[in-house]
Amino acid sequence: MSSSTHGKVAVFSAGSWGTAFSVVLADAGNDVTLWARRPELAEGINERRENADYLPGIELPPSVDATTDVEKALHGADVVVLATPSQSLRENLTTWAPHIEDDAVLVSLMKGVELGSLNRMSEVIHQVTGAGPERIAVVSGPNLAKEIARREPAASVVACEDESVAKRLQERCHSPAFRPYTSVDVLGCELGGAYKNVVGLAVGMAVGLGFGDNTTASIITRGLAETARLAMKLGANPLTLMGLAGLGDLVATCSSPLSRNRSFGEKLGQGMTTEEIYASTSQVAEGAKSCSSLRALAEQVGCDAPVARYVDEVVAGNMTAQEMMDAVLARDTKAETD
């Protein structure tokens, strides 16, 4: 393993985004231990320098080491990066937490809201580990994993309520191709990241139905306004939503054929059911789960959220994609801030 200019970072787990972020961390001078659930995946990374299941064709740096041993992965790591599907975080983290170093900073790459509890990922991390806000951070922005792993230029936001910790993490993940900016608005970054997946599903439905750029631009704009409304009601800074963690992430997810959420939406638009789509892919489209959480969160604080509401109805099979388009774009035309 090559010697690092920083310390050790543990990344859980070895999906496409966790692996891509490991490349960023290695390029930024960290020693990275990537935890994989399956031995053959860890073996492929260590012996062939490739995660063939999730990022085929991408050579991983020598300072990325994979293991299936939780304790080994976490030992001595002063930064722990969490990149699992949102809905399984609580269960997984409960198993991992006893092995996390007492002063380690926990970084969420996840973009979802937990079903049932309506907790954001930073809240789940706090509840499971007892870590205070100065030890919990979020990375959010236009993060399509394949592009990041190919070292295409990208920027993101590193948010922590403690600005000095955000700055420290910024240094730890600033690589030649990856430019992180800092923020103290964890709430705004998390809402932007979760909501854009739902808007991506809506845009995908429009594409699947054969509609063009005017329709998708209208949905993106309505979706951003809806995100900002909810974020402000919950106490976030609305400017966060105009930056990389809001608009930047939204544009990438809604414009890219690489986006899982947009692809999932396209299939809904073409008439497939949610069950059929799940059966046809191993990748997780977070928006298909988070739409009901975000809808409930909006209802809880009395915030009008038509995009989340209608996407939830389509995903649940109570409405067709065409009916959703009619409903979203034919609503009473009140002020643009509606």
C-alpha atoms as a PDB file:
ATOM      1  CA  MET A   1       0.000   0.000   0.000  1.00  0.00           C
ATOM      2  CA  SER A   2       1.345   3.456  -0.867  1.00  0.00           C
ATOM      3  CA  SER A   3       2.087   5.889   1.935  1.00  0.00           C
ATOM      4  CA  SER A   4      -0.449   8.680   2.328  1.00  0.00           C
ATOM      5  CA  THR A   5      -0.074  12.373   2.978  1.00  0.00           C
ATOM      6  CA  HIS A   6      -3.224  12.215   5.124  1.00  0.00           C
ATOM      7  CA  GLY A   7      -4.521   9.428   7.403  1.00  0.00           C
ATOM      8  CA  LYS A   8      -6.692   6.388   6.849  1.00  0.00           C
ATOM      9  CA  VAL A   9     -10.242   6.584   5.553  1.00  0.00           C
ATOM     10  CA  ALA A  10     -12.693   3.680   5.768  1.00  0.00           C
ATOM     11  CA  VAL A  11     -15.408   3.550   3.087  1.00  0.00           C
ATOM     12  CA  PHE A  12     -18.605   1.491   3.563  1.00  0.00           C
ATOM     13  CA  SER A  13     -19.392   0.013   1.140  1.00  0.00           C
ATOM     14  CA  ALA A  14     -18.062  -1.042  -2.267  1.00  0.00           C
ATOM     15  CA  GLY A  15     -20.989  -0.042  -4.505  1.00  0.00           C
ATOM     16  CA  SER A  16     -20.492   2.324  -7.444  1.00  0.00           C
ATOM     17  CA  TRP A  17     -20.488   5.585  -5.453  1.00  0.00           C
ATOM     18  CA  GLY A  18     -18.480   4.250  -2.509  1.00  0.00           C
ATOM     19  CA  THR A  19     -15.868   2.901  -4.939  1.00  0.00           C
ATOM     20  CA  ALA A  20     -15.783   6.105  -7.011  1.00  0.00           C
ATOM     21  CA  PHE A  21     -15.337   8.218  -3.878  1.00  0.00           C
ATOM     22  CA  SER A  22     -12.503   5.906  -2.833  1.00  0.00           C
ATOM     23  CA  VAL A  23     -10.723   6.932  -6.046  1.00  0.00           C
ATOM     24  CA  VAL A  24     -11.174  10.620  -5.097  1.00  0.00           C
ATOM     25  CA  LEU A  25      -9.862   9.993  -1.568  1.00  0.00           C
ATOM     26  CA  ALA A  26      -6.850   8.031  -2.849  1.00  0.00           C
ATOM     27  CA  ASP A  27      -6.036  10.727  -5.427  1.00  0.00           C
ATOM     28  CA  ALA A  28      -6.242  13.304  -2.612  1.00  0.00           C
ATOM     29  CA  GLY A  29      -3.523  11.456  -0.654  1.00  0.00           C
ATOM     30  CA  ASN A  30      -5.415   9.174   1.740  1.00  0.00           C
ATOM     31  CA  ASP A  31      -4.948   5.482   2.440  1.00  0.00           C
ATOM     32  CA  VAL A  32      -8.392   4.010   1.787  1.00  0.00           C
ATOM     33  CA  THR A  33      -9.873   0.785   3.085  1.00  0.00           C
ATOM     34  CA  LEU A  34     -13.020  -0.126   1.189  1.00  0.00           C
ATOM     35  CA  TRP A  35     -15.347  -2.542   2.962  1.00  0.00           C
ATOM     36  CA  ALA A  36     -17.106  -5.062   0.706  1.00  0.00           C
ATOM     37  CA  ARG A  37     -19.804  -7.475   1.815  1.00  0.00           C
ATOM     38  CA  ARG A  38     -18.725 -10.194  -0.638  1.00  0.00           C
ATOM     39  CA  PRO A  39     -15.232 -11.772  -0.557  1.00  0.00           C
ATOM     40  CA  GLU A  40     -15.033 -12.096  -4.372  1.00  0.00           C
ATOM     41  CA  LEU A  41     -15.602  -8.345  -4.756  1.00  0.00           C
ATOM     42  CA  ALA A  42     -12.822  -7.517  -2.262  1.00  0.00           C
ATOM     43  CA  GLU A  43     -10.563 -10.017  -3.983  1.00  0.00           C
ATOM     44  CA  GLY A  44     -11.176  -8.483  -7.416  1.00  0.00           C
ATOM     45  CA  ILE A  45     -10.328  -5.024  -6.080  1.00  0.00           C
ATOM     46  CA  ASN A  46      -7.130  -6.180  -4.357  1.00  0.00           C
ATOM     47  CA  GLU A  47      -5.853  -8.504  -7.079  1.00  0.00           C
ATOM     48  CA  ARG A  48      -7.089  -6.911 -10.308  1.00  0.00           C
ATOM     49  CA  ARG A  49      -7.519  -3.275  -9.111  1.00  0.00           C
ATOM     50  CA  GLU A  50     -11.078  -3.304 -10.434  1.00  0.00           C
ATOM     51  CA  ASN A  51     -14.610  -3.368  -9.031  1.00  0.00           C
ATOM     52  CA  ALA A  52     -15.975  -5.413 -11.923  1.00  0.00           C
ATOM     53  CA  ASP A  53     -19.543  -5.498 -10.561  1.00  0.00           C
ATOM     54  CA  TYR A  54     -20.086  -1.756 -10.138  1.00  0.00           C
ATOM     55  CA  LEU A  55     -17.351   0.137 -12.048  1.00  0.00           C
ATOM     56  CA  PRO A  56     -16.015  -2.210 -14.729  1.00  0.00           C
ATOM     57  CA  GLY A  57     -13.023  -0.918 -16.683  1.00  0.00           C
ATOM     58  CA  ILE A  58     -11.892   1.578 -14.023  1.00  0.00           C
ATOM     59  CA  GLU A  59      -8.436   0.916 -12.564  1.00  0.00           C
ATOM     60  CA  LEU A  60      -8.399   1.619  -8.838  1.00  0.00           C
ATOM     61  CA  PRO A  61      -5.354   3.316  -7.271  1.00  0.00           C
ATOM     62  CA  PRO A  62      -2.862   1.201  -5.270  1.00  0.00           C
ATOM     63  CA  SER A  63      -3.755   3.059  -2.044  1.00  0.00           C
ATOM     64  CA  VAL A  64      -7.291   1.569  -2.150  1.00  0.00           C
ATOM     65  CA  ASP A  65      -7.394  -1.701  -0.233  1.00  0.00           C
ATOM     66  CA  ALA A  66     -10.562  -3.812   0.083  1.00  0.00           C
ATOM     67  CA  THR A  67     -11.645  -6.087   2.948  1.00  0.00           C
ATOM     68  CA  THR A  68     -14.724  -7.930   4.201  1.00  0.00           C
ATOM     69  CA  ASP A  69     -13.516  -7.490   7.804  1.00  0.00           C
ATOM     70  CA  VAL A  70     -15.435  -4.632   9.481  1.00  0.00           C
ATOM     71  CA  GLU A  71     -13.009  -4.324  12.390  1.00  0.00           C
ATOM     72  CA  LYS A  72      -9.974  -4.214  10.104  1.00  0.00           C
ATOM     73  CA  ALA A  73     -11.606  -1.608   7.873  1.00  0.00           C
ATOM     74  CA  LEU A  74     -12.399   0.719  10.792  1.00  0.00           C
ATOM     75  CA  HIS A  75      -9.232   0.262  12.864  1.00  0.00           C
ATOM     76  CA  GLY A  76      -7.275   3.519  12.902  1.00  0.00           C
ATOM     77  CA  ALA A  77      -9.604   5.327  10.476  1.00  0.00           C
ATOM     78  CA  ASP A  78     -10.159   8.949  11.512  1.00  0.00           C
ATOM     79  CA  VAL A  79     -12.720   9.428   8.730  1.00  0.00           C
ATOM     80  CA  VAL A  80     -15.498   6.916   8.014  1.00  0.00           C
ATOM     81  CA  VAL A  81     -17.421   7.383   4.767  1.00  0.00           C
ATOM     82  CA  LEU A  82     -20.904   5.838   4.572  1.00  0.00           C
ATOM     83  CA  ALA A  83     -22.279   4.989   1.129  1.00  0.00           C
ATOM     84  CA  THR A  84     -24.946   2.330   1.541  1.00  0.00           C
ATOM     85  CA  PRO A  85     -28.554   2.468   0.334  1.00  0.00           C
ATOM     86  CA  SER A  86     -30.367   4.923   2.641  1.00  0.00           C
ATOM     87  CA  GLN A  87     -32.995   2.468   3.815  1.00  0.00           C
ATOM     88  CA  SER A  88     -30.425  -0.044   5.083  1.00  0.00           C
ATOM     89  CA  LEU A  89     -28.144   2.469   6.855  1.00  0.00           C
ATOM     90  CA  ARG A  90     -29.625   2.072  10.341  1.00  0.00           C
ATOM     91  CA  GLU A  91     -29.384  -1.713  10.334  1.00  0.00           C
ATOM     92  CA  ASN A  92     -25.845  -1.738   8.884  1.00  0.00           C
ATOM     93  CA  LEU A  93     -24.488   1.067  11.053  1.00  0.00           C
ATOM     94  CA  THR A  94     -25.793  -0.624  14.199  1.00  0.00           C
ATOM     95  CA  THR A  95     -23.440  -3.524  13.371  1.00  0.00           C
ATOM     96  CA  TRP A  96     -20.488  -1.302  12.442  1.00  0.00           C
ATOM     97  CA  ALA A  97     -20.772   1.347  15.199  1.00  0.00           C
ATOM     98  CA  PRO A  98     -18.980  -0.550  18.027  1.00  0.00           C
ATOM     99  CA  HIS A  99     -15.809  -0.701  15.881  1.00  0.00           C
ATOM    100  CA  ILE A 100     -15.707   3.007  14.905  1.00  0.00           C
ATOM    101  CA  GLU A 101     -12.923   5.055  16.523  1.00  0.00           C
ATOM    102  CA  ASP A 102     -14.280   7.420  19.222  1.00  0.00           C
ATOM    103  CA  ASP A 103     -13.138  10.603  17.474  1.00  0.00           C
ATOM    104  CA  ALA A 104     -13.723   9.531  13.862  1.00  0.00           C
ATOM    105  CA  VAL A 105     -15.690  11.904  11.630  1.00  0.00           C
ATOM    106  CA  LEU A 106     -18.641  10.169   9.919  1.00  0.00           C
ATOM    107  CA  VAL A 107     -19.327  11.305   6.359  1.00  0.00           C
ATOM    108  CA  SER A 108     -22.618  10.523   4.610  1.00  0.00           C
ATOM    109  CA  LEU A 109     -22.653  10.131   0.827  1.00  0.00           C
ATOM    110  CA  MET A 110     -26.277   8.956   0.962  1.00  0.00           C
ATOM    111  CA  LYS A 111     -29.152  10.821  -0.609  1.00  0.00           C
ATOM    112  CA  GLY A 112     -32.371   9.662   0.977  1.00  0.00           C
ATOM    113  CA  VAL A 113     -34.829  10.026   3.839  1.00  0.00           C
ATOM    114  CA  GLU A 114     -35.595   7.010   6.030  1.00  0.00           C
ATOM    115  CA  LEU A 115     -39.024   5.470   5.603  1.00  0.00           C
ATOM    116  CA  GLY A 116     -41.186   5.523   8.721  1.00  0.00           C
ATOM    117  CA  SER A 117     -38.992   7.749  10.899  1.00  0.00           C
ATOM    118  CA  LEU A 118     -38.604  10.443   8.169  1.00  0.00           C
ATOM    119  CA  ASN A 119     -35.054  10.930   9.428  1.00  0.00           C
ATOM    120  CA  ARG A 120     -32.318  12.349   7.253  1.00  0.00           C
ATOM    121  CA  MET A 121     -29.135  10.270   7.084  1.00  0.00           C
ATOM    122  CA  SER A 122     -27.189  12.564   9.461  1.00  0.00           C
ATOM    123  CA  GLU A 123     -29.983  12.081  12.013  1.00  0.00           C
ATOM    124  CA  VAL A 124     -29.765   8.290  11.661  1.00  0.00           C
ATOM    125  CA  ILE A 125     -25.969   8.475  12.124  1.00  0.00           C
ATOM    126  CA  HIS A 126     -26.409  10.544  15.302  1.00  0.00           C
ATOM    127  CA  GLN A 127     -29.070   8.202  16.712  1.00  0.00           C
ATOM    128  CA  VAL A 128     -27.068   5.031  16.071  1.00  0.00           C
ATOM    129  CA  THR A 129     -23.565   6.216  17.022  1.00  0.00           C
ATOM    130  CA  GLY A 130     -24.261   9.071  19.460  1.00  0.00           C
ATOM    131  CA  ALA A 131     -21.843  11.268  17.472  1.00  0.00           C
ATOM    132  CA  GLY A 132     -22.376  15.008  17.872  1.00  0.00           C
ATOM    133  CA  PRO A 133     -22.868  17.431  14.959  1.00  0.00           C
ATOM    134  CA  GLU A 134     -19.122  18.215  14.914  1.00  0.00           C
ATOM    135  CA  ARG A 135     -18.468  14.577  13.926  1.00  0.00           C
ATOM    136  CA  ILE A 136     -21.154  14.234  11.233  1.00  0.00           C
ATOM    137  CA  ALA A 137     -20.710  15.547   7.692  1.00  0.00           C
ATOM    138  CA  VAL A 138     -22.376  15.206   4.306  1.00  0.00           C
ATOM    139  CA  VAL A 139     -20.964  15.244   0.767  1.00  0.00           C
ATOM    140  CA  SER A 140     -23.503  16.293  -1.846  1.00  0.00           C
ATOM    141  CA  GLY A 141     -23.509  17.645  -5.379  1.00  0.00           C
ATOM    142  CA  PRO A 142     -23.475  16.410  -8.984  1.00  0.00           C
ATOM    143  CA  ASN A 143     -21.932  13.021  -8.212  1.00  0.00           C
ATOM    144  CA  LEU A 144     -22.572  10.589 -11.061  1.00  0.00           C
ATOM    145  CA  ALA A 145     -20.274   7.777  -9.939  1.00  0.00           C
ATOM    146  CA  LYS A 146     -18.893   6.670 -13.318  1.00  0.00           C
ATOM    147  CA  GLU A 147     -17.828  10.197 -14.257  1.00  0.00           C
ATOM    148  CA  ILE A 148     -16.164  10.773 -10.872  1.00  0.00           C
ATOM    149  CA  ALA A 149     -14.345   7.428 -11.140  1.00  0.00           C
ATOM    150  CA  ARG A 150     -13.128   8.373 -14.640  1.00  0.00           C
ATOM    151  CA  ARG A 151     -11.698  11.533 -13.014  1.00  0.00           C
ATOM    152  CA  GLU A 152     -13.814  13.909 -15.062  1.00  0.00           C
ATOM    153  CA  PRO A 153     -13.781  17.397 -13.443  1.00  0.00           C
ATOM    154  CA  ALA A 154     -16.524  17.807 -10.807  1.00  0.00           C
ATOM    155  CA  ALA A 155     -17.350  19.950  -7.788  1.00  0.00           C
ATOM    156  CA  SER A 156     -19.343  19.127  -4.654  1.00  0.00           C
ATOM    157  CA  VAL A 157     -20.196  20.446  -1.217  1.00  0.00           C
ATOM    158  CA  VAL A 158     -18.807  19.118   2.069  1.00  0.00           C
ATOM    159  CA  ALA A 159     -21.191  20.187   4.833  1.00  0.00           C
ATOM    160  CA  CYS A 160     -20.725  20.002   8.602  1.00  0.00           C
ATOM    161  CA  GLU A 161     -22.219  22.208  11.312  1.00  0.00           C
ATOM    162  CA  ASP A 162     -18.646  22.726  12.543  1.00  0.00           C
ATOM    163  CA  GLU A 163     -16.957  24.766   9.808  1.00  0.00           C
ATOM    164  CA  SER A 164     -13.439  23.745  10.881  1.00  0.00           C
ATOM    165  CA  VAL A 165     -14.366  20.073  10.369  1.00  0.00           C
ATOM    166  CA  ALA A 166     -15.862  20.850   6.944  1.00  0.00           C
ATOM    167  CA  LYS A 167     -12.580  22.571   5.993  1.00  0.00           C
ATOM    168  CA  ARG A 168     -10.538  19.616   7.235  1.00  0.00           C
ATOM    169  CA  LEU A 169     -12.657  17.207   5.178  1.00  0.00           C
ATOM    170  CA  GLN A 170     -12.399  19.530   2.181  1.00  0.00           C
ATOM    171  CA  GLU A 171      -8.616  19.031   2.273  1.00  0.00           C
ATOM    172  CA  ARG A 172      -9.009  15.283   2.656  1.00  0.00           C
ATOM    173  CA  CYS A 173     -11.076  14.911  -0.536  1.00  0.00           C
ATOM    174  CA  HIS A 174      -9.633  17.673  -2.749  1.00  0.00           C
ATOM    175  CA  SER A 175      -8.098  15.803  -5.682  1.00  0.00           C
ATOM    176  CA  PRO A 176      -6.921  17.124  -9.085  1.00  0.00           C
ATOM    177  CA  ALA A 177     -10.345  16.356 -10.612  1.00  0.00           C
ATOM    178  CA  PHE A 178     -12.650  16.793  -7.585  1.00  0.00           C
ATOM    179  CA  ARG A 179     -13.196  20.257  -6.100  1.00  0.00           C
ATOM    180  CA  PRO A 180     -15.077  20.364  -2.780  1.00  0.00           C
ATOM    181  CA  TYR A 181     -16.617  23.548  -1.355  1.00  0.00           C
ATOM    182  CA  THR A 182     -17.607  23.864   2.310  1.00  0.00           C
ATOM    183  CA  SER A 183     -20.957  24.606   3.935  1.00  0.00           C
ATOM    184  CA  VAL A 184     -22.462  24.501   7.421  1.00  0.00           C
ATOM    185  CA  ASP A 185     -25.967  23.787   6.058  1.00  0.00           C
ATOM    186  CA  VAL A 186     -26.182  20.014   6.522  1.00  0.00           C
ATOM    187  CA  LEU A 187     -29.998  20.096   6.386  1.00  0.00           C
ATOM    188  CA  GLY A 188     -30.118  21.977   3.054  1.00  0.00           C
ATOM    189  CA  CYS A 189     -27.524  19.689   1.462  1.00  0.00           C
ATOM    190  CA  GLU A 190     -29.347  16.548   2.566  1.00  0.00           C
ATOM    191  CA  LEU A 191     -32.751  17.751   1.391  1.00  0.00           C
ATOM    192  CA  GLY A 192     -31.350  18.839  -1.959  1.00  0.00           C
ATOM    193  CA  GLY A 193     -29.702  15.448  -2.399  1.00  0.00           C
ATOM    194  CA  ALA A 194     -32.796  13.448  -1.501  1.00  0.00           C
ATOM    195  CA  TYR A 195     -35.324  15.575  -3.352  1.00  0.00           C
ATOM    196  CA  LYS A 196     -33.457  15.685  -6.649  1.00  0.00           C
ATOM    197  CA  ASN A 197     -33.858  11.899  -6.930  1.00  0.00           C
ATOM    198  CA  VAL A 198     -37.629  12.326  -6.830  1.00  0.00           C
ATOM    199  CA  VAL A 199     -37.524  15.139  -9.413  1.00  0.00           C
ATOM    200  CA  GLY A 200     -35.240  12.898 -11.512  1.00  0.00           C
ATOM    201  CA  LEU A 201     -37.943  10.221 -11.485  1.00  0.00           C
ATOM    202  CA  ALA A 202     -40.506  12.780 -12.698  1.00  0.00           C
ATOM    203  CA  VAL A 203     -38.181  13.968 -15.486  1.00  0.00           C
ATOM    204  CA  GLY A 204     -37.526  10.355 -16.486  1.00  0.00           C
ATOM    205  CA  MET A 205     -41.274   9.759 -16.740  1.00  0.00           C
ATOM    206  CA  ALA A 206     -41.578  12.738 -19.102  1.00  0.00           C
ATOM    207  CA  VAL A 207     -38.737  11.376 -21.257  1.00  0.00           C
ATOM    208  CA  GLY A 208     -40.273   7.895 -21.230  1.00  0.00           C
ATOM    209  CA  LEU A 209     -43.549   9.381 -22.444  1.00  0.00           C
ATOM    210  CA  GLY A 210     -41.684  10.996 -25.349  1.00  0.00           C
ATOM    211  CA  PHE A 211     -41.817  14.628 -24.173  1.00  0.00           C
ATOM    212  CA  GLY A 212     -38.981  17.050 -24.929  1.00  0.00           C
ATOM    213  CA  ASP A 213     -36.829  19.672 -23.246  1.00  0.00           C
ATOM    214  CA  ASN A 214     -39.545  22.228 -22.483  1.00  0.00           C
ATOM    215  CA  THR A 215     -41.433  19.672 -20.402  1.00  0.00           C
ATOM    216  CA  THR A 216     -38.327  18.474 -18.550  1.00  0.00           C
ATOM    217  CA  ALA A 217     -37.166  22.059 -17.901  1.00  0.00           C
ATOM    218  CA  SER A 218     -40.595  22.876 -16.464  1.00  0.00           C
ATOM    219  CA  ILE A 219     -40.460  19.862 -14.130  1.00  0.00           C
ATOM    220  CA  ILE A 220     -36.878  20.643 -13.016  1.00  0.00           C
ATOM    221  CA  THR A 221     -37.876  24.233 -12.188  1.00  0.00           C
ATOM    222  CA  ARG A 222     -41.025  23.194 -10.345  1.00  0.00           C
ATOM    223  CA  GLY A 223     -39.022  20.552  -8.500  1.00  0.00           C
ATOM    224  CA  LEU A 224     -36.369  23.037  -7.388  1.00  0.00           C
ATOM    225  CA  ALA A 225     -39.039  25.443  -6.108  1.00  0.00           C
ATOM    226  CA  GLU A 226     -40.687  22.580  -4.201  1.00  0.00           C
ATOM    227  CA  THR A 227     -37.350  21.525  -2.656  1.00  0.00           C
ATOM    228  CA  ALA A 228     -36.581  25.098  -1.580  1.00  0.00           C
ATOM    229  CA  ARG A 229     -40.052  25.495  -0.054  1.00  0.00           C
ATOM    230  CA  LEU A 230     -39.653  22.430   2.127  1.00  0.00           C
ATOM    231  CA  ALA A 231     -36.041  23.253   2.994  1.00  0.00           C
ATOM    232  CA  MET A 232     -36.984  26.745   4.171  1.00  0.00           C
ATOM    233  CA  LYS A 233     -39.891  25.395   6.235  1.00  0.00           C
ATOM    234  CA  LEU A 234     -37.435  23.062   7.972  1.00  0.00           C
ATOM    235  CA  GLY A 235     -34.881  25.824   8.575  1.00  0.00           C
ATOM    236  CA  ALA A 236     -32.326  25.368   5.780  1.00  0.00           C
ATOM    237  CA  ASN A 237     -30.621  28.193   3.920  1.00  0.00           C
ATOM    238  CA  PRO A 238     -32.421  28.641   0.560  1.00  0.00           C
ATOM    239  CA  LEU A 239     -29.115  29.652  -1.084  1.00  0.00           C
ATOM    240  CA  THR A 240     -27.879  26.084  -0.544  1.00  0.00           C
ATOM    241  CA  LEU A 241     -30.488  24.961  -3.059  1.00  0.00           C
ATOM    242  CA  MET A 242     -29.165  27.397  -5.673  1.00  0.00           C
ATOM    243  CA  GLY A 243     -25.682  25.851  -5.385  1.00  0.00           C
ATOM    244  CA  LEU A 244     -24.023  22.520  -6.145  1.00  0.00           C
ATOM    245  CA  ALA A 245     -25.978  20.519  -3.540  1.00  0.00           C
ATOM    246  CA  GLY A 246     -29.285  21.792  -4.952  1.00  0.00           C
ATOM    247  CA  LEU A 247     -29.370  22.978  -8.559  1.00  0.00           C
ATOM    248  CA  GLY A 248     -26.048  21.316  -9.505  1.00  0.00           C
ATOM    249  CA  ASP A 249     -27.104  17.879  -8.333  1.00  0.00           C
ATOM    250  CA  LEU A 250     -30.610  18.322  -9.767  1.00  0.00           C
ATOM    251  CA  VAL A 251     -29.310  19.186 -13.255  1.00  0.00           C
ATOM    252  CA  ALA A 252     -26.909  16.205 -13.309  1.00  0.00           C
ATOM    253  CA  THR A 253     -29.550  13.723 -12.171  1.00  0.00           C
ATOM    254  CA  CYS A 254     -32.271  15.040 -14.463  1.00  0.00           C
ATOM    255  CA  SER A 255     -30.087  15.419 -17.569  1.00  0.00           C
ATOM    256  CA  SER A 256     -27.988  12.274 -17.476  1.00  0.00           C
ATOM    257  CA  PRO A 257     -28.829   8.867 -18.908  1.00  0.00           C
ATOM    258  CA  LEU A 258     -26.331   7.575 -16.265  1.00  0.00           C
ATOM    259  CA  SER A 259     -28.749   8.590 -13.499  1.00  0.00           C
ATOM    260  CA  ARG A 260     -30.465   5.591 -11.902  1.00  0.00           C
ATOM    261  CA  ASN A 261     -33.457   7.698 -10.876  1.00  0.00           C
ATOM    262  CA  ARG A 262     -34.015   9.172 -14.305  1.00  0.00           C
ATOM    263  CA  SER A 263     -33.671   5.702 -15.883  1.00  0.00           C
ATOM    264  CA  PHE A 264     -36.180   4.296 -13.366  1.00  0.00           C
ATOM    265  CA  GLY A 265     -38.587   7.133 -14.244  1.00  0.00           C
ATOM    266  CA  GLU A 266     -38.162   6.518 -17.973  1.00  0.00           C
ATOM    267  CA  LYS A 267     -39.211   2.902 -17.490  1.00  0.00           C
ATOM    268  CA  LEU A 268     -42.279   4.036 -15.522  1.00  0.00           C
ATOM    269  CA  GLY A 269     -43.050   6.451 -18.373  1.00  0.00           C
ATOM    270  CA  GLN A 270     -42.810   3.574 -20.848  1.00  0.00           C
ATOM    271  CA  GLY A 271     -45.441   1.684 -18.848  1.00  0.00           C
ATOM    272  CA  MET A 272     -43.390  -0.712 -16.708  1.00  0.00           C
ATOM    273  CA  THR A 273     -44.491  -1.230 -13.101  1.00  0.00           C
ATOM    274  CA  THR A 274     -42.234  -0.567 -10.105  1.00  0.00           C
ATOM    275  CA  GLU A 275     -42.029  -4.328  -9.446  1.00  0.00           C
ATOM    276  CA  GLU A 276     -40.952  -5.042 -13.040  1.00  0.00           C
ATOM    277  CA  ILE A 277     -38.224  -2.376 -12.857  1.00  0.00           C
ATOM    278  CA  TYR A 278     -36.896  -3.722  -9.529  1.00  0.00           C
ATOM    279  CA  ALA A 279     -36.739  -7.182 -11.042  1.00  0.00           C
ATOM    280  CA  SER A 280     -34.720  -5.912 -14.031  1.00  0.00           C
ATOM    281  CA  THR A 281     -31.883  -4.098 -12.203  1.00  0.00           C
ATOM    282  CA  SER A 282     -29.577  -4.522  -9.208  1.00  0.00           C
ATOM    283  CA  GLN A 283     -28.943  -0.765  -8.872  1.00  0.00           C
ATOM    284  CA  VAL A 284     -30.921   1.168  -6.252  1.00  0.00           C
ATOM    285  CA  ALA A 285     -32.939   4.219  -7.358  1.00  0.00           C
ATOM    286  CA  GLU A 286     -33.162   6.091  -4.047  1.00  0.00           C
ATOM    287  CA  GLY A 287     -36.039   8.308  -5.234  1.00  0.00           C
ATOM    288  CA  ALA A 288     -38.364   5.327  -5.575  1.00  0.00           C
ATOM    289  CA  LYS A 289     -38.158   4.895  -1.788  1.00  0.00           C
ATOM    290  CA  SER A 290     -37.638   8.506  -0.674  1.00  0.00           C
ATOM    291  CA  CYS A 291     -40.656   9.905  -2.548  1.00  0.00           C
ATOM    292  CA  SER A 292     -43.019   8.633   0.156  1.00  0.00           C
ATOM    293  CA  SER A 293     -40.735   9.877   2.987  1.00  0.00           C
ATOM    294  CA  LEU A 294     -40.405  13.337   1.436  1.00  0.00           C
ATOM    295  CA  ARG A 295     -44.123  13.508   0.752  1.00  0.00           C
ATOM    296  CA  ALA A 296     -44.837  12.639   4.407  1.00  0.00           C
ATOM    297  CA  LEU A 297     -42.205  15.122   5.621  1.00  0.00           C
ATOM    298  CA  ALA A 298     -43.801  17.884   3.544  1.00  0.00           C
ATOM    299  CA  GLU A 299     -47.281  16.994   4.816  1.00  0.00           C
ATOM    300  CA  GLN A 300     -45.975  17.001   8.390  1.00  0.00           C
ATOM    301  CA  VAL A 301     -44.910  20.658   8.122  1.00  0.00           C
ATOM    302  CA  GLY A 302     -47.814  21.762   5.906  1.00  0.00           C
ATOM    303  CA  CYS A 303     -45.735  22.276   2.768  1.00  0.00           C
ATOM    304  CA  ASP A 304     -47.338  21.837  -0.663  1.00  0.00           C
ATOM    305  CA  ALA A 305     -45.323  19.185  -2.547  1.00  0.00           C
ATOM    306  CA  PRO A 306     -47.096  18.105  -5.748  1.00  0.00           C
ATOM    307  CA  VAL A 307     -44.045  16.549  -7.424  1.00  0.00           C
ATOM    308  CA  ALA A 308     -43.260  14.279  -4.447  1.00  0.00           C
ATOM    309  CA  ARG A 309     -46.960  13.468  -4.032  1.00  0.00           C
ATOM    310  CA  TYR A 310     -47.578  12.483  -7.646  1.00  0.00           C
ATOM    311  CA  VAL A 311     -44.283  10.598  -8.056  1.00  0.00           C
ATOM    312  CA  ASP A 312     -45.194   8.607  -4.941  1.00  0.00           C
ATOM    313  CA  GLU A 313     -48.591   7.772  -6.482  1.00  0.00           C
ATOM    314  CA  VAL A 314     -46.994   6.553  -9.740  1.00  0.00           C
ATOM    315  CA  VAL A 315     -44.333   4.475  -7.932  1.00  0.00           C
ATOM    316  CA  ALA A 316     -47.101   2.937  -5.778  1.00  0.00           C
ATOM    317  CA  GLY A 317     -49.093   2.080  -8.915  1.00  0.00           C
ATOM    318  CA  ASN A 318     -52.041   4.349  -8.072  1.00  0.00           C
ATOM    319  CA  MET A 319     -51.543   6.671 -11.046  1.00  0.00           C
ATOM    320  CA  THR A 320     -50.001   6.447 -14.529  1.00  0.00           C
ATOM    321  CA  ALA A 321     -47.047   8.600 -15.598  1.00  0.00           C
ATOM    322  CA  GLN A 322     -49.305  10.372 -18.108  1.00  0.00           C
ATOM    323  CA  GLU A 323     -51.827  11.208 -15.370  1.00  0.00           C
ATOM    324  CA  MET A 324     -48.969  12.570 -13.281  1.00  0.00           C
ATOM    325  CA  MET A 325     -47.786  14.860 -16.107  1.00  0.00           C
ATOM    326  CA  ASP A 326     -51.302  16.173 -16.575  1.00  0.00           C
ATOM    327  CA  ALA A 327     -51.638  16.763 -12.832  1.00  0.00           C
ATOM    328  CA  VAL A 328     -48.259  18.491 -12.344  1.00  0.00           C
ATOM    329  CA  LEU A 329     -48.417  20.773 -15.360  1.00  0.00           C
ATOM    330  CA  ALA A 330     -52.145  21.495 -15.261  1.00  0.00           C
ATOM    331  CA  ARG A 331     -52.274  22.688 -11.653  1.00  0.00           C
ATOM    332  CA  ASP A 332     -53.759  26.083 -10.919  1.00  0.00           C
ATOM    333  CA  THR A 333     -51.217  28.589 -12.171  1.00  0.00           C
ATOM    334  CA  LYS A 334     -50.595  30.621  -9.076  1.00  0.00           C
ATOM    335  CA  ALA A 335     -47.436  32.675  -8.528  1.00  0.00           C
ATOM    336  CA  GLU A 336     -44.157  31.135  -9.794  1.00  0.00           C
ATOM    337  CA  THR A 337     -43.085  30.742  -6.143  1.00  0.00           C
ATOM    338  CA  ASP A 338     -46.060  28.366  -5.647  1.00  0.00           C
END
